[in-house]
């Protein structure tokens, strides 16, 4: 399974912050926004990733993430010269996907809680899996309609009169036929290749699974200044209360066995003394305690 993080777009809803830095590089509490989807993907076992962004911003992502080797993963980069819809990601990164299945995750979506994604990834075989999350303002999103048996029967993009309160978050799992589907869909009235049209094609074929996210799960869309502040406040509250970090790729790499504890220590050694490196030292101490090696 490979994964794409779509981190392009103009970020106009975050102006003037995005005059200085890409939306997905903005801080969500103590980490760059892109760390959150990256960590979710790593925690789900994904080791081959592709970041898609604008020509101006790609150098910044390369500087931040490198080739991923420090975390035991591989990160490639592709340029999106002009944002023409979420489904455009499959046309841009077709050579990266090759013959594999793929996860597409939007870089401004933040997820926290539960093991819904790792379980969905590990159980995926073919077709498409998307997710549904109960919201109070479904008209802002793609909306899934369910029948009485709980089966998805329609998806509508930003409807004026939503048929349910279940929105589709920005993470999608597809088999390799998504490449052909993306090549054959037509631009919408706003001139974009809509991800909803991709999902509707899978629904038409009877190959779309919609997984309702559990009540303990949190989905935060950090695409506006208000949402960005709310996301930062949420992350700060959870981390302070529970003493754990959300969106920490170093920890995810260690837990998944992508890197060894010695490599983990080497990462910490190269960091300045700060709250983030202090946390990682605590993770290392706990790892040694559980291993009973007395270090």
C-alpha atoms as a PDB file:
ATOM      1  CA  UNK A   1       0.000   0.000   0.000  1.00  0.00           C
ATOM      2  CA  UNK A   2       1.304   3.438  -0.984  1.00  0.00           C
ATOM      3  CA  UNK A   3       0.029   6.824   0.115  1.00  0.00           C
ATOM      4  CA  UNK A   4      -0.276  10.362  -1.217  1.00  0.00           C
ATOM      5  CA  UNK A   5      -0.472  13.469   0.954  1.00  0.00           C
ATOM      6  CA  UNK A   6      -2.031  16.281  -1.046  1.00  0.00           C
ATOM      7  CA  UNK A   7      -0.504  19.491   0.285  1.00  0.00           C
ATOM      8  CA  UNK A   8      -1.109  21.886  -2.585  1.00  0.00           C
ATOM      9  CA  UNK A   9      -3.611  24.673  -3.137  1.00  0.00           C
ATOM     10  CA  UNK A  10      -3.377  28.403  -2.613  1.00  0.00           C
ATOM     11  CA  UNK A  11      -4.483  28.317   1.039  1.00  0.00           C
ATOM     12  CA  UNK A  12      -6.564  31.444   0.423  1.00  0.00           C
ATOM     13  CA  UNK A  13      -8.796  30.784   3.439  1.00  0.00           C
ATOM     14  CA  UNK A  14      -5.724  31.134   5.677  1.00  0.00           C
ATOM     15  CA  UNK A  15      -4.567  34.459   4.192  1.00  0.00           C
ATOM     16  CA  UNK A  16      -2.308  36.227   5.181  1.00  0.00           C
ATOM     17  CA  UNK A  17      -0.570  33.293   6.917  1.00  0.00           C
ATOM     18  CA  UNK A  18      -0.097  31.543   3.588  1.00  0.00           C
ATOM     19  CA  UNK A  19       1.738  34.540   2.191  1.00  0.00           C
ATOM     20  CA  UNK A  20       4.671  33.295   4.242  1.00  0.00           C
ATOM     21  CA  UNK A  21       4.287  29.529   4.320  1.00  0.00           C
ATOM     22  CA  UNK A  22       2.159  26.770   2.795  1.00  0.00           C
ATOM     23  CA  UNK A  23      -1.068  25.894   4.617  1.00  0.00           C
ATOM     24  CA  UNK A  24       0.151  22.391   5.470  1.00  0.00           C
ATOM     25  CA  UNK A  25       3.336  23.819   6.996  1.00  0.00           C
ATOM     26  CA  UNK A  26       1.428  26.001   9.462  1.00  0.00           C
ATOM     27  CA  UNK A  27       1.800  25.097  13.129  1.00  0.00           C
ATOM     28  CA  UNK A  28      -0.922  23.021  14.742  1.00  0.00           C
ATOM     29  CA  UNK A  29       0.090  23.536  18.354  1.00  0.00           C
ATOM     30  CA  UNK A  30       3.719  22.314  18.401  1.00  0.00           C
ATOM     31  CA  UNK A  31       4.154  20.613  15.018  1.00  0.00           C
ATOM     32  CA  UNK A  32       3.771  21.397  11.308  1.00  0.00           C
ATOM     33  CA  UNK A  33       0.313  20.463  10.078  1.00  0.00           C
ATOM     34  CA  UNK A  34       1.636  17.826   7.654  1.00  0.00           C
ATOM     35  CA  UNK A  35       3.085  15.817  10.558  1.00  0.00           C
ATOM     36  CA  UNK A  36      -0.442  14.754  11.539  1.00  0.00           C
ATOM     37  CA  UNK A  37      -1.524  12.980   8.322  1.00  0.00           C
ATOM     38  CA  UNK A  38       2.035  11.673   7.901  1.00  0.00           C
ATOM     39  CA  UNK A  39       1.941  10.064  11.348  1.00  0.00           C
ATOM     40  CA  UNK A  40      -1.493   8.516  10.762  1.00  0.00           C
ATOM     41  CA  UNK A  41      -0.202   6.895   7.585  1.00  0.00           C
ATOM     42  CA  UNK A  42       2.937   5.617   9.284  1.00  0.00           C
ATOM     43  CA  UNK A  43       0.891   4.258  12.185  1.00  0.00           C
ATOM     44  CA  UNK A  44      -1.187   2.399   9.580  1.00  0.00           C
ATOM     45  CA  UNK A  45       1.949   0.678   8.299  1.00  0.00           C
ATOM     46  CA  UNK A  46       2.536   2.754   5.169  1.00  0.00           C
ATOM     47  CA  UNK A  47       6.215   3.192   4.259  1.00  0.00           C
ATOM     48  CA  UNK A  48       6.063   4.618   0.714  1.00  0.00           C
ATOM     49  CA  UNK A  49       4.640   8.130   0.466  1.00  0.00           C
ATOM     50  CA  UNK A  50       4.368  10.917  -2.060  1.00  0.00           C
ATOM     51  CA  UNK A  51       3.837  14.583  -1.160  1.00  0.00           C
ATOM     52  CA  UNK A  52       2.139  16.722  -3.817  1.00  0.00           C
ATOM     53  CA  UNK A  53       2.468  20.485  -3.523  1.00  0.00           C
ATOM     54  CA  UNK A  54       3.087  23.679  -5.454  1.00  0.00           C
ATOM     55  CA  UNK A  55       6.386  24.492  -7.192  1.00  0.00           C
ATOM     56  CA  UNK A  56       7.100  27.200  -4.595  1.00  0.00           C
ATOM     57  CA  UNK A  57       6.404  24.994  -1.582  1.00  0.00           C
ATOM     58  CA  UNK A  58       8.005  21.688  -2.599  1.00  0.00           C
ATOM     59  CA  UNK A  59      11.508  22.803  -1.537  1.00  0.00           C
ATOM     60  CA  UNK A  60      10.145  23.568   1.942  1.00  0.00           C
ATOM     61  CA  UNK A  61       8.635  20.074   2.250  1.00  0.00           C
ATOM     62  CA  UNK A  62      11.878  18.500   1.066  1.00  0.00           C
ATOM     63  CA  UNK A  63      13.760  20.469   3.706  1.00  0.00           C
ATOM     64  CA  UNK A  64      11.320  19.385   6.430  1.00  0.00           C
ATOM     65  CA  UNK A  65      10.782  15.724   5.520  1.00  0.00           C
ATOM     66  CA  UNK A  66      13.813  14.819   3.404  1.00  0.00           C
ATOM     67  CA  UNK A  67      13.603  11.404   1.784  1.00  0.00           C
ATOM     68  CA  UNK A  68      11.961   9.934   4.896  1.00  0.00           C
ATOM     69  CA  UNK A  69      14.922   7.671   5.619  1.00  0.00           C
ATOM     70  CA  UNK A  70      15.314   9.072   9.141  1.00  0.00           C
ATOM     71  CA  UNK A  71      11.937   7.478   9.955  1.00  0.00           C
ATOM     72  CA  UNK A  72      12.479   4.279   7.977  1.00  0.00           C
ATOM     73  CA  UNK A  73      10.144   5.346   5.176  1.00  0.00           C
ATOM     74  CA  UNK A  74      10.464   6.645   1.617  1.00  0.00           C
ATOM     75  CA  UNK A  75       9.085  10.070   0.650  1.00  0.00           C
ATOM     76  CA  UNK A  76       8.848  11.238  -2.954  1.00  0.00           C
ATOM     77  CA  UNK A  77       7.611  14.579  -4.257  1.00  0.00           C
ATOM     78  CA  UNK A  78       5.444  15.657  -7.178  1.00  0.00           C
ATOM     79  CA  UNK A  79       4.533  19.123  -8.396  1.00  0.00           C
ATOM     80  CA  UNK A  80       0.983  20.408  -8.759  1.00  0.00           C
ATOM     81  CA  UNK A  81       1.423  23.431 -10.979  1.00  0.00           C
ATOM     82  CA  UNK A  82      -2.255  24.357 -10.782  1.00  0.00           C
ATOM     83  CA  UNK A  83      -4.855  22.980  -8.343  1.00  0.00           C
ATOM     84  CA  UNK A  84      -7.548  21.303 -10.427  1.00  0.00           C
ATOM     85  CA  UNK A  85      -9.298  19.080  -7.925  1.00  0.00           C
ATOM     86  CA  UNK A  86      -8.404  16.412  -5.374  1.00  0.00           C
ATOM     87  CA  UNK A  87      -8.673  13.609  -7.939  1.00  0.00           C
ATOM     88  CA  UNK A  88      -5.928  15.291  -9.959  1.00  0.00           C
ATOM     89  CA  UNK A  89      -3.521  13.733  -7.451  1.00  0.00           C
ATOM     90  CA  UNK A  90      -3.883  10.376  -9.208  1.00  0.00           C
ATOM     91  CA  UNK A  91      -2.909  11.873 -12.554  1.00  0.00           C
ATOM     92  CA  UNK A  92       0.091  13.640 -11.037  1.00  0.00           C
ATOM     93  CA  UNK A  93       1.348  10.647  -9.038  1.00  0.00           C
ATOM     94  CA  UNK A  94       0.392   7.817 -11.374  1.00  0.00           C
ATOM     95  CA  UNK A  95       4.005   6.774 -11.861  1.00  0.00           C
ATOM     96  CA  UNK A  96       4.521   6.715  -8.089  1.00  0.00           C
ATOM     97  CA  UNK A  97       1.431   4.538  -7.535  1.00  0.00           C
ATOM     98  CA  UNK A  98       2.389   2.070 -10.264  1.00  0.00           C
ATOM     99  CA  UNK A  99       0.413  -1.146  -9.797  1.00  0.00           C
ATOM    100  CA  UNK A 100      -0.212  -0.691  -6.059  1.00  0.00           C
ATOM    101  CA  UNK A 101      -3.257   0.225  -4.021  1.00  0.00           C
ATOM    102  CA  UNK A 102      -3.160   3.740  -2.638  1.00  0.00           C
ATOM    103  CA  UNK A 103      -4.347   5.958   0.196  1.00  0.00           C
ATOM    104  CA  UNK A 104      -5.018   9.607  -0.544  1.00  0.00           C
ATOM    105  CA  UNK A 105      -4.984  11.915   2.470  1.00  0.00           C
ATOM    106  CA  UNK A 106      -5.491  15.666   2.475  1.00  0.00           C
ATOM    107  CA  UNK A 107      -2.698  17.513   4.239  1.00  0.00           C
ATOM    108  CA  UNK A 108      -5.031  19.836   6.164  1.00  0.00           C
ATOM    109  CA  UNK A 109      -7.078  17.060   7.776  1.00  0.00           C
ATOM    110  CA  UNK A 110      -6.152  16.067  11.340  1.00  0.00           C
ATOM    111  CA  UNK A 111      -7.313  12.819  12.910  1.00  0.00           C
ATOM    112  CA  UNK A 112      -7.021  11.661  16.483  1.00  0.00           C
ATOM    113  CA  UNK A 113      -8.185   8.668  18.493  1.00  0.00           C
ATOM    114  CA  UNK A 114      -8.975   5.026  17.908  1.00  0.00           C
ATOM    115  CA  UNK A 115      -7.500   2.513  15.484  1.00  0.00           C
ATOM    116  CA  UNK A 116     -10.059   2.970  12.688  1.00  0.00           C
ATOM    117  CA  UNK A 117      -7.484   3.757  10.005  1.00  0.00           C
ATOM    118  CA  UNK A 118      -4.931   1.021  10.776  1.00  0.00           C
ATOM    119  CA  UNK A 119      -7.728  -1.559  10.843  1.00  0.00           C
ATOM    120  CA  UNK A 120      -9.208  -0.273   7.585  1.00  0.00           C
ATOM    121  CA  UNK A 121      -5.807  -0.372   5.885  1.00  0.00           C
ATOM    122  CA  UNK A 122      -4.918  -3.853   7.130  1.00  0.00           C
ATOM    123  CA  UNK A 123      -8.293  -5.281   6.057  1.00  0.00           C
ATOM    124  CA  UNK A 124      -8.410  -3.573   2.639  1.00  0.00           C
ATOM    125  CA  UNK A 125      -8.394  -5.849  -0.391  1.00  0.00           C
ATOM    126  CA  UNK A 126     -10.076  -4.128  -3.343  1.00  0.00           C
ATOM    127  CA  UNK A 127     -12.594  -1.496  -4.369  1.00  0.00           C
ATOM    128  CA  UNK A 128     -12.648   1.677  -2.302  1.00  0.00           C
ATOM    129  CA  UNK A 129     -12.979   2.490   1.376  1.00  0.00           C
ATOM    130  CA  UNK A 130     -13.977   5.958   2.517  1.00  0.00           C
ATOM    131  CA  UNK A 131     -15.082   7.199   5.913  1.00  0.00           C
ATOM    132  CA  UNK A 132     -18.084   8.983   7.361  1.00  0.00           C
ATOM    133  CA  UNK A 133     -18.024  11.349  10.334  1.00  0.00           C
ATOM    134  CA  UNK A 134     -21.041  12.901  12.037  1.00  0.00           C
ATOM    135  CA  UNK A 135     -20.950  16.717  11.831  1.00  0.00           C
ATOM    136  CA  UNK A 136     -23.337  19.550  12.626  1.00  0.00           C
ATOM    137  CA  UNK A 137     -22.724  21.380   9.317  1.00  0.00           C
ATOM    138  CA  UNK A 138     -22.743  18.679   6.608  1.00  0.00           C
ATOM    139  CA  UNK A 139     -23.539  21.178   3.851  1.00  0.00           C
ATOM    140  CA  UNK A 140     -19.838  22.150   3.899  1.00  0.00           C
ATOM    141  CA  UNK A 141     -18.682  18.691   2.851  1.00  0.00           C
ATOM    142  CA  UNK A 142     -19.330  15.671   0.711  1.00  0.00           C
ATOM    143  CA  UNK A 143     -22.306  13.948   2.360  1.00  0.00           C
ATOM    144  CA  UNK A 144     -23.079  10.221   2.493  1.00  0.00           C
ATOM    145  CA  UNK A 145     -26.660   8.988   2.531  1.00  0.00           C
ATOM    146  CA  UNK A 146     -27.356   5.590   4.097  1.00  0.00           C
ATOM    147  CA  UNK A 147     -30.318   3.255   3.764  1.00  0.00           C
ATOM    148  CA  UNK A 148     -32.011   1.653   6.785  1.00  0.00           C
ATOM    149  CA  UNK A 149     -29.518  -1.208   6.706  1.00  0.00           C
ATOM    150  CA  UNK A 150     -26.625   1.252   6.990  1.00  0.00           C
ATOM    151  CA  UNK A 151     -25.469   0.824   3.410  1.00  0.00           C
ATOM    152  CA  UNK A 152     -24.289   3.899   1.514  1.00  0.00           C
ATOM    153  CA  UNK A 153     -26.666   4.741  -1.338  1.00  0.00           C
ATOM    154  CA  UNK A 154     -25.565   8.227  -2.413  1.00  0.00           C
ATOM    155  CA  UNK A 155     -22.814  10.812  -2.050  1.00  0.00           C
ATOM    156  CA  UNK A 156     -23.409  14.481  -2.746  1.00  0.00           C
ATOM    157  CA  UNK A 157     -20.823  17.272  -2.768  1.00  0.00           C
ATOM    158  CA  UNK A 158     -21.716  20.262  -0.546  1.00  0.00           C
ATOM    159  CA  UNK A 159     -25.499  19.863  -0.860  1.00  0.00           C
ATOM    160  CA  UNK A 160     -27.868  22.685   0.056  1.00  0.00           C
ATOM    161  CA  UNK A 161     -30.172  20.121   1.641  1.00  0.00           C
ATOM    162  CA  UNK A 162     -28.021  17.296   3.075  1.00  0.00           C
ATOM    163  CA  UNK A 163     -29.581  13.831   3.177  1.00  0.00           C
ATOM    164  CA  UNK A 164     -27.642  12.937   6.323  1.00  0.00           C
ATOM    165  CA  UNK A 165     -25.274  14.476   8.862  1.00  0.00           C
ATOM    166  CA  UNK A 166     -22.371  12.254   7.809  1.00  0.00           C
ATOM    167  CA  UNK A 167     -19.514  14.044   6.049  1.00  0.00           C
ATOM    168  CA  UNK A 168     -16.673  12.382   4.155  1.00  0.00           C
ATOM    169  CA  UNK A 169     -13.289  13.263   5.729  1.00  0.00           C
ATOM    170  CA  UNK A 170     -10.227  13.789   3.567  1.00  0.00           C
ATOM    171  CA  UNK A 171      -8.812  10.260   3.552  1.00  0.00           C
ATOM    172  CA  UNK A 172      -9.603   7.646   0.904  1.00  0.00           C
ATOM    173  CA  UNK A 173      -8.342   4.109   0.232  1.00  0.00           C
ATOM    174  CA  UNK A 174      -8.478   2.809  -3.340  1.00  0.00           C
ATOM    175  CA  UNK A 175      -7.401  -0.169  -5.358  1.00  0.00           C
ATOM    176  CA  UNK A 176      -5.348   0.407  -8.481  1.00  0.00           C
ATOM    177  CA  UNK A 177      -8.366   0.911 -10.747  1.00  0.00           C
ATOM    178  CA  UNK A 178      -8.579   4.435  -9.314  1.00  0.00           C
ATOM    179  CA  UNK A 179      -6.001   5.431 -11.937  1.00  0.00           C
ATOM    180  CA  UNK A 180      -8.352   4.540 -14.792  1.00  0.00           C
ATOM    181  CA  UNK A 181     -11.334   6.097 -13.038  1.00  0.00           C
ATOM    182  CA  UNK A 182      -9.461   9.375 -12.463  1.00  0.00           C
ATOM    183  CA  UNK A 183      -8.393   9.498 -16.109  1.00  0.00           C
ATOM    184  CA  UNK A 184     -11.983   9.121 -17.290  1.00  0.00           C
ATOM    185  CA  UNK A 185     -13.917  11.506 -15.042  1.00  0.00           C
ATOM    186  CA  UNK A 186     -14.743  14.938 -16.415  1.00  0.00           C
ATOM    187  CA  UNK A 187     -14.099  18.276 -14.716  1.00  0.00           C
ATOM    188  CA  UNK A 188     -17.013  19.621 -12.718  1.00  0.00           C
ATOM    189  CA  UNK A 189     -18.746  22.956 -13.278  1.00  0.00           C
ATOM    190  CA  UNK A 190     -16.000  24.608 -11.243  1.00  0.00           C
ATOM    191  CA  UNK A 191     -13.357  23.072 -13.509  1.00  0.00           C
ATOM    192  CA  UNK A 192     -12.044  20.486 -11.039  1.00  0.00           C
ATOM    193  CA  UNK A 193     -11.672  16.712 -10.984  1.00  0.00           C
ATOM    194  CA  UNK A 194     -13.882  15.948  -8.006  1.00  0.00           C
ATOM    195  CA  UNK A 195     -13.031  13.161  -5.591  1.00  0.00           C
ATOM    196  CA  UNK A 196     -16.776  12.682  -5.093  1.00  0.00           C
ATOM    197  CA  UNK A 197     -17.035  11.618  -8.749  1.00  0.00           C
ATOM    198  CA  UNK A 198     -14.371   8.972  -8.127  1.00  0.00           C
ATOM    199  CA  UNK A 199     -16.298   7.690  -5.116  1.00  0.00           C
ATOM    200  CA  UNK A 200     -19.570   7.701  -7.055  1.00  0.00           C
ATOM    201  CA  UNK A 201     -18.003   5.516  -9.736  1.00  0.00           C
ATOM    202  CA  UNK A 202     -16.982   2.945  -7.117  1.00  0.00           C
ATOM    203  CA  UNK A 203     -20.487   3.193  -5.620  1.00  0.00           C
ATOM    204  CA  UNK A 204     -21.999   2.594  -9.059  1.00  0.00           C
ATOM    205  CA  UNK A 205     -19.841  -0.510  -9.430  1.00  0.00           C
ATOM    206  CA  UNK A 206     -20.901  -1.770  -6.003  1.00  0.00           C
ATOM    207  CA  UNK A 207     -17.320  -1.564  -4.728  1.00  0.00           C
ATOM    208  CA  UNK A 208     -17.532   1.297  -2.225  1.00  0.00           C
ATOM    209  CA  UNK A 209     -17.292   0.593   1.499  1.00  0.00           C
ATOM    210  CA  UNK A 210     -18.148   3.469   3.839  1.00  0.00           C
ATOM    211  CA  UNK A 211     -16.756   3.100   7.337  1.00  0.00           C
ATOM    212  CA  UNK A 212     -18.440   5.212  10.009  1.00  0.00           C
ATOM    213  CA  UNK A 213     -15.819   6.580  12.367  1.00  0.00           C
ATOM    214  CA  UNK A 214     -16.345   5.783  16.036  1.00  0.00           C
ATOM    215  CA  UNK A 215     -17.635   8.325  18.538  1.00  0.00           C
ATOM    216  CA  UNK A 216     -14.268   8.572  20.265  1.00  0.00           C
ATOM    217  CA  UNK A 217     -12.618   9.622  17.029  1.00  0.00           C
ATOM    218  CA  UNK A 218     -11.859  13.277  16.257  1.00  0.00           C
ATOM    219  CA  UNK A 219     -11.607  14.806  12.786  1.00  0.00           C
ATOM    220  CA  UNK A 220     -10.367  18.386  12.534  1.00  0.00           C
ATOM    221  CA  UNK A 221     -10.290  20.334   9.268  1.00  0.00           C
ATOM    222  CA  UNK A 222      -7.653  23.049   9.719  1.00  0.00           C
ATOM    223  CA  UNK A 223      -8.391  24.895   6.491  1.00  0.00           C
ATOM    224  CA  UNK A 224      -9.429  28.250   7.996  1.00  0.00           C
ATOM    225  CA  UNK A 225      -7.834  30.515  10.600  1.00  0.00           C
ATOM    226  CA  UNK A 226     -10.559  29.700  13.128  1.00  0.00           C
ATOM    227  CA  UNK A 227     -10.307  25.961  12.473  1.00  0.00           C
ATOM    228  CA  UNK A 228      -6.519  26.123  12.729  1.00  0.00           C
ATOM    229  CA  UNK A 229      -6.755  27.780  16.147  1.00  0.00           C
ATOM    230  CA  UNK A 230      -9.369  25.258  17.313  1.00  0.00           C
ATOM    231  CA  UNK A 231      -7.224  22.354  16.121  1.00  0.00           C
ATOM    232  CA  UNK A 232      -4.197  23.715  17.987  1.00  0.00           C
ATOM    233  CA  UNK A 233      -6.242  24.132  21.158  1.00  0.00           C
ATOM    234  CA  UNK A 234      -7.611  20.594  20.871  1.00  0.00           C
ATOM    235  CA  UNK A 235      -4.175  19.036  20.320  1.00  0.00           C
ATOM    236  CA  UNK A 236      -2.693  21.045  23.188  1.00  0.00           C
ATOM    237  CA  UNK A 237      -5.467  19.967  25.559  1.00  0.00           C
ATOM    238  CA  UNK A 238      -5.147  16.259  24.679  1.00  0.00           C
ATOM    239  CA  UNK A 239      -1.362  16.268  24.900  1.00  0.00           C
ATOM    240  CA  UNK A 240      -1.335  18.119  28.228  1.00  0.00           C
ATOM    241  CA  UNK A 241      -4.041  15.890  29.720  1.00  0.00           C
ATOM    242  CA  UNK A 242      -2.717  12.529  28.527  1.00  0.00           C
ATOM    243  CA  UNK A 243       1.014  13.202  28.405  1.00  0.00           C
ATOM    244  CA  UNK A 244       1.290  11.854  24.864  1.00  0.00           C
ATOM    245  CA  UNK A 245       1.918  13.545  21.545  1.00  0.00           C
ATOM    246  CA  UNK A 246      -0.386  13.400  18.537  1.00  0.00           C
ATOM    247  CA  UNK A 247       1.302  13.547  15.139  1.00  0.00           C
ATOM    248  CA  UNK A 248       4.798  12.436  16.144  1.00  0.00           C
ATOM    249  CA  UNK A 249       6.468  10.582  13.231  1.00  0.00           C
ATOM    250  CA  UNK A 250       9.542   9.588  15.271  1.00  0.00           C
ATOM    251  CA  UNK A 251       7.384   7.767  17.803  1.00  0.00           C
ATOM    252  CA  UNK A 252       5.275   6.144  15.083  1.00  0.00           C
ATOM    253  CA  UNK A 253       8.446   4.920  13.366  1.00  0.00           C
ATOM    254  CA  UNK A 254       9.702   3.327  16.589  1.00  0.00           C
ATOM    255  CA  UNK A 255       6.360   1.730  17.497  1.00  0.00           C
ATOM    256  CA  UNK A 256       5.902   0.258  14.008  1.00  0.00           C
ATOM    257  CA  UNK A 257       9.447  -1.072  13.969  1.00  0.00           C
ATOM    258  CA  UNK A 258      10.482   1.118  11.043  1.00  0.00           C
ATOM    259  CA  UNK A 259      13.552   2.181  13.030  1.00  0.00           C
ATOM    260  CA  UNK A 260      15.501   0.677  15.917  1.00  0.00           C
ATOM    261  CA  UNK A 261      15.842   2.184  19.369  1.00  0.00           C
ATOM    262  CA  UNK A 262      19.446   3.105  18.511  1.00  0.00           C
ATOM    263  CA  UNK A 263      18.249   5.002  15.445  1.00  0.00           C
ATOM    264  CA  UNK A 264      15.597   6.645  17.610  1.00  0.00           C
ATOM    265  CA  UNK A 265      18.282   7.835  20.043  1.00  0.00           C
ATOM    266  CA  UNK A 266      20.304   9.179  17.102  1.00  0.00           C
ATOM    267  CA  UNK A 267      17.311  11.271  15.971  1.00  0.00           C
ATOM    268  CA  UNK A 268      16.971  12.779  19.429  1.00  0.00           C
ATOM    269  CA  UNK A 269      20.703  13.526  19.596  1.00  0.00           C
ATOM    270  CA  UNK A 270      20.410  15.670  16.452  1.00  0.00           C
ATOM    271  CA  UNK A 271      17.572  17.769  17.906  1.00  0.00           C
ATOM    272  CA  UNK A 272      17.927  20.897  20.014  1.00  0.00           C
ATOM    273  CA  UNK A 273      16.878  20.778  23.651  1.00  0.00           C
ATOM    274  CA  UNK A 274      13.139  21.557  23.563  1.00  0.00           C
ATOM    275  CA  UNK A 275       9.792  20.192  24.692  1.00  0.00           C
ATOM    276  CA  UNK A 276       9.585  17.959  21.619  1.00  0.00           C
ATOM    277  CA  UNK A 277      12.964  16.279  22.180  1.00  0.00           C
ATOM    278  CA  UNK A 278      12.227  16.018  25.920  1.00  0.00           C
ATOM    279  CA  UNK A 279       9.085  14.075  25.037  1.00  0.00           C
ATOM    280  CA  UNK A 280      11.025  11.726  22.760  1.00  0.00           C
ATOM    281  CA  UNK A 281      13.552  11.076  25.535  1.00  0.00           C
ATOM    282  CA  UNK A 282      10.615  10.049  27.703  1.00  0.00           C
ATOM    283  CA  UNK A 283       9.414   7.699  24.943  1.00  0.00           C
ATOM    284  CA  UNK A 284      12.893   6.143  24.797  1.00  0.00           C
ATOM    285  CA  UNK A 285      13.009   5.711  28.583  1.00  0.00           C
ATOM    286  CA  UNK A 286       9.619   4.001  28.518  1.00  0.00           C
ATOM    287  CA  UNK A 287      10.750   1.741  25.666  1.00  0.00           C
ATOM    288  CA  UNK A 288      13.780   0.625  27.677  1.00  0.00           C
ATOM    289  CA  UNK A 289      11.641   0.083  30.775  1.00  0.00           C
ATOM    290  CA  UNK A 290       9.224  -2.146  28.878  1.00  0.00           C
ATOM    291  CA  UNK A 291      12.110  -4.044  27.324  1.00  0.00           C
ATOM    292  CA  UNK A 292      13.615  -4.500  30.771  1.00  0.00           C
ATOM    293  CA  UNK A 293      17.100  -3.636  29.570  1.00  0.00           C
ATOM    294  CA  UNK A 294      17.773  -1.182  32.386  1.00  0.00           C
ATOM    295  CA  UNK A 295      19.150   1.587  30.165  1.00  0.00           C
END
